[in-house]
Amino acid sequence: MEIFTFKKEDGKRIEAFDSNFVMSRITQTFSPSMIGCMYLEENGVIGYHQAVMPQLLLIVKGEGEVRSNNGEYFHVKTGDAVFWGKDEWHETRSEEGLMAVVIESEELTPWDYIKK
């Protein structure tokens, strides 16, 4: 498991085409990808299971805890991104609830785009 950040402060200001915004790049894929949004309510859990393929979980609202094979939980909050490799056991839980975007693809390389 690796934890990254995609906070505004880590992004790059874009001004091309009369634009004015900050872009925090996440990843790039060259193979098919699945992108979804997960909503954990109060005391919600994404149960302990193996990743079918590399997976990136982007916390966009709220906070919670994640763990991997070693059983130790790590606190995550809005702006954090958690990466699990294929077949890696993992779990996500939240006491207060959270919303996260998940990206699954055989060729995820978040370390090329976002900070640890």
PDB file of N, CA and C in Angstrom:
ATOM      1  N   MET A   1       0.856  -1.178   0.000  1.00  0.00           N
ATOM      2  CA  MET A   1       0.000   0.000   0.000  1.00  0.00           C
ATOM      3  C   MET A   1       0.894   1.230   0.000  1.00  0.00           C
ATOM      4  N   GLU A   2       0.514   2.213  -0.799  1.00  0.00           N
ATOM      5  CA  GLU A   2       1.192   3.509  -0.816  1.00  0.00           C
ATOM      6  C   GLU A   2       0.142   4.593  -0.676  1.00  0.00           C
ATOM      7  N   ILE A   3       0.475   5.658   0.063  1.00  0.00           N
ATOM      8  CA  ILE A   3      -0.447   6.779   0.229  1.00  0.00           C
ATOM      9  C   ILE A   3       0.168   8.017  -0.405  1.00  0.00           C
ATOM     10  N   PHE A   4      -0.624   8.693  -1.246  1.00  0.00           N
ATOM     11  CA  PHE A   4      -0.211   9.885  -1.972  1.00  0.00           C
ATOM     12  C   PHE A   4      -1.139  11.034  -1.604  1.00  0.00           C
ATOM     13  N   THR A   5      -0.861  12.219  -2.144  1.00  0.00           N
ATOM     14  CA  THR A   5      -1.749  13.371  -1.973  1.00  0.00           C
ATOM     15  C   THR A   5      -2.046  13.995  -3.332  1.00  0.00           C
ATOM     16  N   PHE A   6      -3.276  14.482  -3.493  1.00  0.00           N
ATOM     17  CA  PHE A   6      -3.622  15.218  -4.708  1.00  0.00           C
ATOM     18  C   PHE A   6      -4.254  16.559  -4.342  1.00  0.00           C
ATOM     19  N   LYS A   7      -3.798  17.145  -3.234  1.00  0.00           N
ATOM     20  CA  LYS A   7      -4.325  18.416  -2.751  1.00  0.00           C
ATOM     21  C   LYS A   7      -4.032  19.543  -3.739  1.00  0.00           C
ATOM     22  N   LYS A   8      -4.802  20.599  -3.642  1.00  0.00           N
ATOM     23  CA  LYS A   8      -4.641  21.763  -4.513  1.00  0.00           C
ATOM     24  C   LYS A   8      -3.206  22.289  -4.465  1.00  0.00           C
ATOM     25  N   GLU A   9      -2.629  22.311  -3.271  1.00  0.00           N
ATOM     26  CA  GLU A   9      -1.271  22.847  -3.106  1.00  0.00           C
ATOM     27  C   GLU A   9      -0.237  22.060  -3.910  1.00  0.00           C
ATOM     28  N   ASP A  10      -0.539  20.818  -4.251  1.00  0.00           N
ATOM     29  CA  ASP A  10       0.392  19.978  -5.003  1.00  0.00           C
ATOM     30  C   ASP A  10       0.164  20.056  -6.504  1.00  0.00           C
ATOM     31  N   GLY A  11      -0.843  20.792  -6.914  1.00  0.00           N
ATOM     32  CA  GLY A  11      -1.181  20.909  -8.328  1.00  0.00           C
ATOM     33  C   GLY A  11      -0.398  21.996  -9.038  1.00  0.00           C
ATOM     34  N   LYS A  12      -0.731  22.192 -10.278  1.00  0.00           N
ATOM     35  CA  LYS A  12      -0.069  23.178 -11.134  1.00  0.00           C
ATOM     36  C   LYS A  12      -1.121  24.130 -11.687  1.00  0.00           C
ATOM     37  N   ARG A  13      -0.836  25.428 -11.621  1.00  0.00           N
ATOM     38  CA  ARG A  13      -1.754  26.435 -12.165  1.00  0.00           C
ATOM     39  C   ARG A  13      -1.719  26.354 -13.678  1.00  0.00           C
ATOM     40  N   ILE A  14      -2.906  26.315 -14.280  1.00  0.00           N
ATOM     41  CA  ILE A  14      -3.059  26.255 -15.738  1.00  0.00           C
ATOM     42  C   ILE A  14      -3.655  27.581 -16.205  1.00  0.00           C
ATOM     43  N   GLU A  15      -2.969  28.217 -17.163  1.00  0.00           N
ATOM     44  CA  GLU A  15      -3.438  29.502 -17.685  1.00  0.00           C
ATOM     45  C   GLU A  15      -3.594  29.495 -19.201  1.00  0.00           C
ATOM     46  N   ALA A  16      -3.316  28.352 -19.839  1.00  0.00           N
ATOM     47  CA  ALA A  16      -3.462  28.253 -21.290  1.00  0.00           C
ATOM     48  C   ALA A  16      -4.926  28.443 -21.679  1.00  0.00           C
ATOM     49  N   PHE A  17      -5.167  29.011 -22.863  1.00  0.00           N
ATOM     50  CA  PHE A  17      -6.516  29.227 -23.398  1.00  0.00           C
ATOM     51  C   PHE A  17      -7.352  30.148 -22.511  1.00  0.00           C
ATOM     52  N   ASP A  18      -6.703  31.127 -21.889  1.00  0.00           N
ATOM     53  CA  ASP A  18      -7.368  32.060 -20.969  1.00  0.00           C
ATOM     54  C   ASP A  18      -7.969  31.347 -19.760  1.00  0.00           C
ATOM     55  N   SER A  19      -7.358  30.227 -19.364  1.00  0.00           N
ATOM     56  CA  SER A  19      -7.821  29.465 -18.202  1.00  0.00           C
ATOM     57  C   SER A  19      -7.211  30.027 -16.926  1.00  0.00           C
ATOM     58  N   ASN A  20      -7.804  29.674 -15.817  1.00  0.00           N
ATOM     59  CA  ASN A  20      -7.281  30.056 -14.509  1.00  0.00           C
ATOM     60  C   ASN A  20      -7.765  29.027 -13.489  1.00  0.00           C
ATOM     61  N   PHE A  21      -7.021  27.900 -13.387  1.00  0.00           N
ATOM     62  CA  PHE A  21      -7.389  26.851 -12.439  1.00  0.00           C
ATOM     63  C   PHE A  21      -6.149  26.061 -12.047  1.00  0.00           C
ATOM     64  N   VAL A  22      -6.290  25.213 -11.043  1.00  0.00           N
ATOM     65  CA  VAL A  22      -5.206  24.353 -10.588  1.00  0.00           C
ATOM     66  C   VAL A  22      -5.568  22.914 -10.930  1.00  0.00           C
ATOM     67  N   MET A  23      -4.618  22.190 -11.524  1.00  0.00           N
ATOM     68  CA  MET A  23      -4.814  20.786 -11.906  1.00  0.00           C
ATOM     69  C   MET A  23      -3.861  19.916 -11.104  1.00  0.00           C
ATOM     70  N   SER A  24      -4.420  18.981 -10.354  1.00  0.00           N
ATOM     71  CA  SER A  24      -3.613  17.962  -9.673  1.00  0.00           C
ATOM     72  C   SER A  24      -3.747  16.684 -10.479  1.00  0.00           C
ATOM     73  N   ARG A  25      -2.707  16.338 -11.203  1.00  0.00           N
ATOM     74  CA  ARG A  25      -2.753  15.117 -12.013  1.00  0.00           C
ATOM     75  C   ARG A  25      -2.800  13.905 -11.104  1.00  0.00           C
ATOM     76  N   ILE A  26      -3.471  12.872 -11.541  1.00  0.00           N
ATOM     77  CA  ILE A  26      -3.642  11.665 -10.743  1.00  0.00           C
ATOM     78  C   ILE A  26      -2.883  10.490 -11.348  1.00  0.00           C
ATOM     79  N   THR A  27      -3.227  10.105 -12.555  1.00  0.00           N
ATOM     80  CA  THR A  27      -2.584   8.974 -13.210  1.00  0.00           C
ATOM     81  C   THR A  27      -2.922   8.990 -14.689  1.00  0.00           C
ATOM     82  N   GLN A  28      -2.297   8.116 -15.438  1.00  0.00           N
ATOM     83  CA  GLN A  28      -2.608   7.934 -16.853  1.00  0.00           C
ATOM     84  C   GLN A  28      -2.655   6.436 -17.106  1.00  0.00           C
ATOM     85  N   THR A  29      -3.612   6.001 -17.881  1.00  0.00           N
ATOM     86  CA  THR A  29      -3.706   4.581 -18.196  1.00  0.00           C
ATOM     87  C   THR A  29      -3.678   4.387 -19.704  1.00  0.00           C
ATOM     88  N   PHE A  30      -3.158   3.242 -20.107  1.00  0.00           N
ATOM     89  CA  PHE A  30      -3.100   2.900 -21.522  1.00  0.00           C
ATOM     90  C   PHE A  30      -3.940   1.670 -21.823  1.00  0.00           C
ATOM     91  N   SER A  31      -4.513   1.097 -20.776  1.00  0.00           N
ATOM     92  CA  SER A  31      -5.392  -0.058 -20.930  1.00  0.00           C
ATOM     93  C   SER A  31      -6.758   0.310 -20.357  1.00  0.00           C
ATOM     94  N   PRO A  32      -7.759  -0.498 -20.616  1.00  0.00           N
ATOM     95  CA  PRO A  32      -9.095  -0.180 -20.084  1.00  0.00           C
ATOM     96  C   PRO A  32      -9.062   0.052 -18.569  1.00  0.00           C
ATOM     97  N   SER A  33      -9.887   0.970 -18.122  1.00  0.00           N
ATOM     98  CA  SER A  33      -9.955   1.329 -16.707  1.00  0.00           C
ATOM     99  C   SER A  33     -11.402   1.352 -16.247  1.00  0.00           C
ATOM    100  N   MET A  34     -11.594   1.105 -14.970  1.00  0.00           N
ATOM    101  CA  MET A  34     -12.901   1.250 -14.349  1.00  0.00           C
ATOM    102  C   MET A  34     -12.783   2.399 -13.365  1.00  0.00           C
ATOM    103  N   ILE A  35     -13.697   3.353 -13.440  1.00  0.00           N
ATOM    104  CA  ILE A  35     -13.698   4.491 -12.525  1.00  0.00           C
ATOM    105  C   ILE A  35     -15.072   4.549 -11.880  1.00  0.00           C
ATOM    106  N   GLY A  36     -15.088   4.605 -10.556  1.00  0.00           N
ATOM    107  CA  GLY A  36     -16.355   4.641  -9.838  1.00  0.00           C
ATOM    108  C   GLY A  36     -16.272   5.573  -8.642  1.00  0.00           C
ATOM    109  N   CYS A  37     -17.413   5.822  -8.025  1.00  0.00           N
ATOM    110  CA  CYS A  37     -17.478   6.659  -6.837  1.00  0.00           C
ATOM    111  C   CYS A  37     -18.116   5.835  -5.715  1.00  0.00           C
ATOM    112  N   MET A  38     -17.469   5.817  -4.555  1.00  0.00           N
ATOM    113  CA  MET A  38     -17.954   5.042  -3.417  1.00  0.00           C
ATOM    114  C   MET A  38     -18.389   5.984  -2.308  1.00  0.00           C
ATOM    115  N   TYR A  39     -19.488   5.672  -1.680  1.00  0.00           N
ATOM    116  CA  TYR A  39     -20.024   6.473  -0.586  1.00  0.00           C
ATOM    117  C   TYR A  39     -20.106   5.591   0.654  1.00  0.00           C
ATOM    118  N   LEU A  40     -19.238   5.832   1.619  1.00  0.00           N
ATOM    119  CA  LEU A  40     -19.318   5.121   2.890  1.00  0.00           C
ATOM    120  C   LEU A  40     -20.102   5.996   3.852  1.00  0.00           C
ATOM    121  N   GLU A  41     -21.171   5.457   4.386  1.00  0.00           N
ATOM    122  CA  GLU A  41     -21.954   6.193   5.364  1.00  0.00           C
ATOM    123  C   GLU A  41     -21.292   6.053   6.731  1.00  0.00           C
ATOM    124  N   GLU A  42     -21.898   6.601   7.770  1.00  0.00           N
ATOM    125  CA  GLU A  42     -21.375   6.479   9.124  1.00  0.00           C
ATOM    126  C   GLU A  42     -21.091   5.018   9.440  1.00  0.00           C
ATOM    127  N   ASN A  43     -19.893   4.757   9.963  1.00  0.00           N
ATOM    128  CA  ASN A  43     -19.439   3.400  10.283  1.00  0.00           C
ATOM    129  C   ASN A  43     -19.434   2.473   9.068  1.00  0.00           C
ATOM    130  N   GLY A  44     -19.235   3.055   7.889  1.00  0.00           N
ATOM    131  CA  GLY A  44     -19.183   2.278   6.656  1.00  0.00           C
ATOM    132  C   GLY A  44     -17.864   1.543   6.500  1.00  0.00           C
ATOM    133  N   VAL A  45     -17.914   0.419   5.783  1.00  0.00           N
ATOM    134  CA  VAL A  45     -16.726  -0.419   5.571  1.00  0.00           C
ATOM    135  C   VAL A  45     -16.725  -0.954   4.146  1.00  0.00           C
ATOM    136  N   ILE A  46     -15.560  -0.887   3.506  1.00  0.00           N
ATOM    137  CA  ILE A  46     -15.302  -1.671   2.298  1.00  0.00           C
ATOM    138  C   ILE A  46     -14.476  -2.832   2.828  1.00  0.00           C
ATOM    139  N   GLY A  47     -15.074  -3.994   2.936  1.00  0.00           N
ATOM    140  CA  GLY A  47     -14.492  -5.136   3.642  1.00  0.00           C
ATOM    141  C   GLY A  47     -13.141  -5.588   3.124  1.00  0.00           C
ATOM    142  N   TYR A  48     -12.447  -6.293   3.986  1.00  0.00           N
ATOM    143  CA  TYR A  48     -11.102  -6.804   3.717  1.00  0.00           C
ATOM    144  C   TYR A  48     -11.163  -7.812   2.568  1.00  0.00           C
ATOM    145  N   HIS A  49     -10.465  -7.494   1.461  1.00  0.00           N
ATOM    146  CA  HIS A  49     -10.475  -8.338   0.277  1.00  0.00           C
ATOM    147  C   HIS A  49      -9.238  -8.082  -0.564  1.00  0.00           C
ATOM    148  N   GLN A  50      -8.998  -8.956  -1.535  1.00  0.00           N
ATOM    149  CA  GLN A  50      -7.865  -8.798  -2.443  1.00  0.00           C
ATOM    150  C   GLN A  50      -8.254  -7.911  -3.619  1.00  0.00           C
ATOM    151  N   ALA A  51      -7.321  -7.051  -4.028  1.00  0.00           N
ATOM    152  CA  ALA A  51      -7.536  -6.221  -5.216  1.00  0.00           C
ATOM    153  C   ALA A  51      -7.458  -7.111  -6.459  1.00  0.00           C
ATOM    154  N   VAL A  52      -8.478  -7.026  -7.297  1.00  0.00           N
ATOM    155  CA  VAL A  52      -8.519  -7.816  -8.524  1.00  0.00           C
ATOM    156  C   VAL A  52      -7.461  -7.319  -9.508  1.00  0.00           C
ATOM    157  N   MET A  53      -7.193  -6.013  -9.461  1.00  0.00           N
ATOM    158  CA  MET A  53      -6.172  -5.375 -10.296  1.00  0.00           C
ATOM    159  C   MET A  53      -5.660  -4.161  -9.518  1.00  0.00           C
ATOM    160  N   PRO A  54      -4.580  -3.500  -9.959  1.00  0.00           N
ATOM    161  CA  PRO A  54      -4.127  -2.302  -9.257  1.00  0.00           C
ATOM    162  C   PRO A  54      -5.274  -1.316  -9.076  1.00  0.00           C
ATOM    163  N   GLN A  55      -5.298  -0.665  -7.921  1.00  0.00           N
ATOM    164  CA  GLN A  55      -6.443   0.170  -7.541  1.00  0.00           C
ATOM    165  C   GLN A  55      -5.965   1.438  -6.850  1.00  0.00           C
ATOM    166  N   LEU A  56      -6.561   2.561  -7.214  1.00  0.00           N
ATOM    167  CA  LEU A  56      -6.250   3.854  -6.613  1.00  0.00           C
ATOM    168  C   LEU A  56      -7.535   4.428  -6.035  1.00  0.00           C
ATOM    169  N   LEU A  57      -7.535   4.705  -4.733  1.00  0.00           N
ATOM    170  CA  LEU A  57      -8.696   5.232  -4.021  1.00  0.00           C
ATOM    171  C   LEU A  57      -8.424   6.693  -3.690  1.00  0.00           C
ATOM    172  N   LEU A  58      -9.222   7.617  -4.236  1.00  0.00           N
ATOM    173  CA  LEU A  58      -9.047   9.053  -4.035  1.00  0.00           C
ATOM    174  C   LEU A  58     -10.102   9.554  -3.055  1.00  0.00           C
ATOM    175  N   ILE A  59      -9.683  10.002  -1.878  1.00  0.00           N
ATOM    176  CA  ILE A  59     -10.626  10.496  -0.880  1.00  0.00           C
ATOM    177  C   ILE A  59     -10.990  11.929  -1.251  1.00  0.00           C
ATOM    178  N   VAL A  60     -12.253  12.143  -1.639  1.00  0.00           N
ATOM    179  CA  VAL A  60     -12.685  13.473  -2.071  1.00  0.00           C
ATOM    180  C   VAL A  60     -13.517  14.192  -1.014  1.00  0.00           C
ATOM    181  N   LYS A  61     -13.998  13.466  -0.005  1.00  0.00           N
ATOM    182  CA  LYS A  61     -14.769  14.096   1.074  1.00  0.00           C
ATOM    183  C   LYS A  61     -14.742  13.170   2.287  1.00  0.00           C
ATOM    184  N   GLY A  62     -14.492  13.754   3.445  1.00  0.00           N
ATOM    185  CA  GLY A  62     -14.512  12.964   4.671  1.00  0.00           C
ATOM    186  C   GLY A  62     -13.156  12.398   5.020  1.00  0.00           C
ATOM    187  N   GLU A  63     -13.180  11.422   5.930  1.00  0.00           N
ATOM    188  CA  GLU A  63     -11.942  10.784   6.362  1.00  0.00           C
ATOM    189  C   GLU A  63     -12.249   9.387   6.866  1.00  0.00           C
ATOM    190  N   GLY A  64     -11.199   8.602   7.022  1.00  0.00           N
ATOM    191  CA  GLY A  64     -11.357   7.239   7.491  1.00  0.00           C
ATOM    192  C   GLY A  64     -10.014   6.603   7.721  1.00  0.00           C
ATOM    193  N   GLU A  65      -9.996   5.280   7.647  1.00  0.00           N
ATOM    194  CA  GLU A  65      -8.771   4.515   7.847  1.00  0.00           C
ATOM    195  C   GLU A  65      -8.679   3.441   6.779  1.00  0.00           C
ATOM    196  N   VAL A  66      -7.443   3.142   6.377  1.00  0.00           N
ATOM    197  CA  VAL A  66      -7.190   2.082   5.407  1.00  0.00           C
ATOM    198  C   VAL A  66      -6.125   1.152   5.973  1.00  0.00           C
ATOM    199  N   ARG A  67      -6.162  -0.086   5.516  1.00  0.00           N
ATOM    200  CA  ARG A  67      -5.110  -1.026   5.898  1.00  0.00           C
ATOM    201  C   ARG A  67      -4.806  -1.932   4.732  1.00  0.00           C
ATOM    202  N   SER A  68      -3.670  -2.586   4.845  1.00  0.00           N
ATOM    203  CA  SER A  68      -3.227  -3.522   3.834  1.00  0.00           C
ATOM    204  C   SER A  68      -2.899  -4.847   4.525  1.00  0.00           C
ATOM    205  N   ASN A  69      -2.036  -5.636   3.936  1.00  0.00           N
ATOM    206  CA  ASN A  69      -1.707  -6.969   4.445  1.00  0.00           C
ATOM    207  C   ASN A  69      -1.188  -6.979   5.879  1.00  0.00           C
ATOM    208  N   ASN A  70      -0.473  -5.935   6.293  1.00  0.00           N
ATOM    209  CA  ASN A  70       0.163  -5.970   7.613  1.00  0.00           C
ATOM    210  C   ASN A  70      -0.808  -5.696   8.760  1.00  0.00           C
ATOM    211  N   GLY A  71      -2.042  -5.315   8.473  1.00  0.00           N
ATOM    212  CA  GLY A  71      -3.051  -5.132   9.509  1.00  0.00           C
ATOM    213  C   GLY A  71      -3.062  -3.774  10.181  1.00  0.00           C
ATOM    214  N   GLU A  72      -2.032  -2.952   9.958  1.00  0.00           N
ATOM    215  CA  GLU A  72      -1.961  -1.622  10.577  1.00  0.00           C
ATOM    216  C   GLU A  72      -2.856  -0.649   9.816  1.00  0.00           C
ATOM    217  N   TYR A  73      -3.683   0.102  10.554  1.00  0.00           N
ATOM    218  CA  TYR A  73      -4.557   1.093   9.937  1.00  0.00           C
ATOM    219  C   TYR A  73      -3.842   2.436   9.822  1.00  0.00           C
ATOM    220  N   PHE A  74      -4.107   3.146   8.708  1.00  0.00           N
ATOM    221  CA  PHE A  74      -3.557   4.476   8.464  1.00  0.00           C
ATOM    222  C   PHE A  74      -4.707   5.441   8.245  1.00  0.00           C
ATOM    223  N   HIS A  75      -4.639   6.608   8.869  1.00  0.00           N
ATOM    224  CA  HIS A  75      -5.664   7.633   8.733  1.00  0.00           C
ATOM    225  C   HIS A  75      -5.547   8.286   7.356  1.00  0.00           C
ATOM    226  N   VAL A  76      -6.675   8.452   6.662  1.00  0.00           N
ATOM    227  CA  VAL A  76      -6.720   9.153   5.378  1.00  0.00           C
ATOM    228  C   VAL A  76      -7.835  10.179   5.427  1.00  0.00           C
ATOM    229  N   LYS A  77      -7.657  11.249   4.631  1.00  0.00           N
ATOM    230  CA  LYS A  77      -8.625  12.348   4.635  1.00  0.00           C
ATOM    231  C   LYS A  77      -8.726  12.920   3.232  1.00  0.00           C
ATOM    232  N   THR A  78      -9.620  13.887   3.050  1.00  0.00           N
ATOM    233  CA  THR A  78      -9.795  14.554   1.768  1.00  0.00           C
ATOM    234  C   THR A  78      -8.439  14.968   1.201  1.00  0.00           C
ATOM    235  N   GLY A  79      -8.203  14.618  -0.053  1.00  0.00           N
ATOM    236  CA  GLY A  79      -6.945  14.958  -0.716  1.00  0.00           C
ATOM    237  C   GLY A  79      -5.916  13.846  -0.690  1.00  0.00           C
ATOM    238  N   ASP A  80      -6.188  12.747   0.016  1.00  0.00           N
ATOM    239  CA  ASP A  80      -5.273  11.609   0.037  1.00  0.00           C
ATOM    240  C   ASP A  80      -5.682  10.602  -1.025  1.00  0.00           C
ATOM    241  N   ALA A  81      -4.696   9.903  -1.556  1.00  0.00           N
ATOM    242  CA  ALA A  81      -4.917   8.842  -2.537  1.00  0.00           C
ATOM    243  C   ALA A  81      -4.188   7.598  -2.056  1.00  0.00           C
ATOM    244  N   VAL A  82      -4.863   6.467  -2.056  1.00  0.00           N
ATOM    245  CA  VAL A  82      -4.285   5.213  -1.576  1.00  0.00           C
ATOM    246  C   VAL A  82      -4.175   4.250  -2.752  1.00  0.00           C
ATOM    247  N   PHE A  83      -2.991   3.669  -2.920  1.00  0.00           N
ATOM    248  CA  PHE A  83      -2.747   2.731  -4.021  1.00  0.00           C
ATOM    249  C   PHE A  83      -2.508   1.337  -3.464  1.00  0.00           C
ATOM    250  N   TRP A  84      -3.232   0.357  -4.025  1.00  0.00           N
ATOM    251  CA  TRP A  84      -2.997  -1.045  -3.710  1.00  0.00           C
ATOM    252  C   TRP A  84      -2.670  -1.777  -4.996  1.00  0.00           C
ATOM    253  N   GLY A  85      -1.679  -2.653  -4.935  1.00  0.00           N
ATOM    254  CA  GLY A  85      -1.309  -3.454  -6.094  1.00  0.00           C
ATOM    255  C   GLY A  85      -2.239  -4.642  -6.280  1.00  0.00           C
ATOM    256  N   LYS A  86      -2.140  -5.260  -7.442  1.00  0.00           N
ATOM    257  CA  LYS A  86      -2.945  -6.437  -7.751  1.00  0.00           C
ATOM    258  C   LYS A  86      -2.718  -7.514  -6.697  1.00  0.00           C
ATOM    259  N   ASP A  87      -3.796  -8.137  -6.256  1.00  0.00           N
ATOM    260  CA  ASP A  87      -3.799  -9.216  -5.266  1.00  0.00           C
ATOM    261  C   ASP A  87      -3.501  -8.754  -3.841  1.00  0.00           C
ATOM    262  N   GLU A  88      -3.266  -7.456  -3.626  1.00  0.00           N
ATOM    263  CA  GLU A  88      -2.981  -6.963  -2.279  1.00  0.00           C
ATOM    264  C   GLU A  88      -4.277  -6.931  -1.462  1.00  0.00           C
ATOM    265  N   TRP A  89      -4.229  -7.482  -0.267  1.00  0.00           N
ATOM    266  CA  TRP A  89      -5.368  -7.459   0.641  1.00  0.00           C
ATOM    267  C   TRP A  89      -5.517  -6.062   1.213  1.00  0.00           C
ATOM    268  N   HIS A  90      -6.764  -5.581   1.347  1.00  0.00           N
ATOM    269  CA  HIS A  90      -6.979  -4.226   1.851  1.00  0.00           C
ATOM    270  C   HIS A  90      -8.394  -4.022   2.364  1.00  0.00           C
ATOM    271  N   GLU A  91      -8.557  -2.953   3.143  1.00  0.00           N
ATOM    272  CA  GLU A  91      -9.845  -2.597   3.726  1.00  0.00           C
ATOM    273  C   GLU A  91      -9.885  -1.081   3.934  1.00  0.00           C
ATOM    274  N   THR A  92     -11.072  -0.498   3.833  1.00  0.00           N
ATOM    275  CA  THR A  92     -11.295   0.926   4.109  1.00  0.00           C
ATOM    276  C   THR A  92     -12.482   1.025   5.049  1.00  0.00           C
ATOM    277  N   ARG A  93     -12.365   1.887   6.051  1.00  0.00           N
ATOM    278  CA  ARG A  93     -13.488   2.083   6.978  1.00  0.00           C
ATOM    279  C   ARG A  93     -13.556   3.552   7.379  1.00  0.00           C
ATOM    280  N   SER A  94     -14.755   3.981   7.804  1.00  0.00           N
ATOM    281  CA  SER A  94     -14.940   5.371   8.210  1.00  0.00           C
ATOM    282  C   SER A  94     -16.007   5.457   9.290  1.00  0.00           C
ATOM    283  N   GLU A  95     -15.680   6.128  10.385  1.00  0.00           N
ATOM    284  CA  GLU A  95     -16.659   6.335  11.453  1.00  0.00           C
ATOM    285  C   GLU A  95     -17.690   7.386  11.065  1.00  0.00           C
ATOM    286  N   GLU A  96     -17.237   8.477  10.422  1.00  0.00           N
ATOM    287  CA  GLU A  96     -18.117   9.596  10.092  1.00  0.00           C
ATOM    288  C   GLU A  96     -18.616   9.589   8.655  1.00  0.00           C
ATOM    289  N   GLY A  97     -18.057   8.728   7.825  1.00  0.00           N
ATOM    290  CA  GLY A  97     -18.429   8.648   6.423  1.00  0.00           C
ATOM    291  C   GLY A  97     -17.401   9.307   5.516  1.00  0.00           C
ATOM    292  N   LEU A  98     -17.353   8.860   4.278  1.00  0.00           N
ATOM    293  CA  LEU A  98     -16.455   9.456   3.291  1.00  0.00           C
ATOM    294  C   LEU A  98     -16.975   9.170   1.894  1.00  0.00           C
ATOM    295  N   MET A  99     -16.500   9.962   0.953  1.00  0.00           N
ATOM    296  CA  MET A  99     -16.772   9.752  -0.461  1.00  0.00           C
ATOM    297  C   MET A  99     -15.426   9.603  -1.152  1.00  0.00           C
ATOM    298  N   ALA A 100     -15.302   8.605  -2.012  1.00  0.00           N
ATOM    299  CA  ALA A 100     -14.033   8.356  -2.693  1.00  0.00           C
ATOM    300  C   ALA A 100     -14.278   7.935  -4.130  1.00  0.00           C
ATOM    301  N   VAL A 101     -13.363   8.327  -4.991  1.00  0.00           N
ATOM    302  CA  VAL A 101     -13.353   7.866  -6.377  1.00  0.00           C
ATOM    303  C   VAL A 101     -12.338   6.738  -6.444  1.00  0.00           C
ATOM    304  N   VAL A 102     -12.702   5.648  -7.088  1.00  0.00           N
ATOM    305  CA  VAL A 102     -11.775   4.524  -7.254  1.00  0.00           C
ATOM    306  C   VAL A 102     -11.468   4.355  -8.737  1.00  0.00           C
ATOM    307  N   ILE A 103     -10.182   4.156  -9.027  1.00  0.00           N
ATOM    308  CA  ILE A 103      -9.718   3.897 -10.391  1.00  0.00           C
ATOM    309  C   ILE A 103      -9.040   2.535 -10.365  1.00  0.00           C
ATOM    310  N   GLU A 104      -9.485   1.638 -11.231  1.00  0.00           N
ATOM    311  CA  GLU A 104      -8.880   0.313 -11.334  1.00  0.00           C
ATOM    312  C   GLU A 104      -8.422   0.102 -12.766  1.00  0.00           C
ATOM    313  N   SER A 105      -7.153  -0.312 -12.911  1.00  0.00           N
ATOM    314  CA  SER A 105      -6.601  -0.563 -14.238  1.00  0.00           C
ATOM    315  C   SER A 105      -5.327  -1.387 -14.085  1.00  0.00           C
ATOM    316  N   GLU A 106      -5.045  -2.216 -15.073  1.00  0.00           N
ATOM    317  CA  GLU A 106      -3.839  -3.040 -15.027  1.00  0.00           C
ATOM    318  C   GLU A 106      -2.559  -2.196 -15.065  1.00  0.00           C
ATOM    319  N   GLU A 107      -2.639  -0.952 -15.553  1.00  0.00           N
ATOM    320  CA  GLU A 107      -1.437  -0.141 -15.742  1.00  0.00           C
ATOM    321  C   GLU A 107      -1.486   1.172 -14.973  1.00  0.00           C
ATOM    322  N   LEU A 108      -1.822   1.147 -13.701  1.00  0.00           N
ATOM    323  CA  LEU A 108      -1.821   2.375 -12.906  1.00  0.00           C
ATOM    324  C   LEU A 108      -0.405   2.691 -12.431  1.00  0.00           C
ATOM    325  N   THR A 109      -0.001   3.944 -12.610  1.00  0.00           N
ATOM    326  CA  THR A 109       1.320   4.389 -12.151  1.00  0.00           C
ATOM    327  C   THR A 109       1.191   5.767 -11.467  1.00  0.00           C
ATOM    328  N   PRO A 110       0.521   5.829 -10.319  1.00  0.00           N
ATOM    329  CA  PRO A 110       0.315   7.138  -9.683  1.00  0.00           C
ATOM    330  C   PRO A 110       1.612   7.812  -9.277  1.00  0.00           C
ATOM    331  N   TRP A 111       2.654   7.059  -8.966  1.00  0.00           N
ATOM    332  CA  TRP A 111       3.929   7.655  -8.539  1.00  0.00           C
ATOM    333  C   TRP A 111       4.555   8.512  -9.632  1.00  0.00           C
ATOM    334  N   ASP A 112       4.115   8.351 -10.899  1.00  0.00           N
ATOM    335  CA  ASP A 112       4.605   9.205 -11.984  1.00  0.00           C
ATOM    336  C   ASP A 112       3.938  10.577 -11.984  1.00  0.00           C
ATOM    337  N   TYR A 113       2.823  10.734 -11.220  1.00  0.00           N
ATOM    338  CA  TYR A 113       2.027  11.937 -11.325  1.00  0.00           C
ATOM    339  C   TYR A 113       1.751  12.658 -10.020  1.00  0.00           C
ATOM    340  N   ILE A 114       1.652  11.940  -8.906  1.00  0.00           N
ATOM    341  CA  ILE A 114       1.280  12.576  -7.654  1.00  0.00           C
ATOM    342  C   ILE A 114       2.316  12.305  -6.569  1.00  0.00           C
ATOM    343  N   LYS A 115       2.324  13.175  -5.546  1.00  0.00           N
ATOM    344  CA  LYS A 115       3.320  13.120  -4.478  1.00  0.00           C
ATOM    345  C   LYS A 115       2.953  12.129  -3.384  1.00  0.00           C
ATOM    346  N   LYS A 116       3.987  11.621  -2.751  1.00  0.00           N
ATOM    347  CA  LYS A 116       3.790  10.799  -1.545  1.00  0.00           C
ATOM    348  C   LYS A 116       3.767  11.694  -0.356  1.00  0.00           C
TER     349      LYS A 116
END
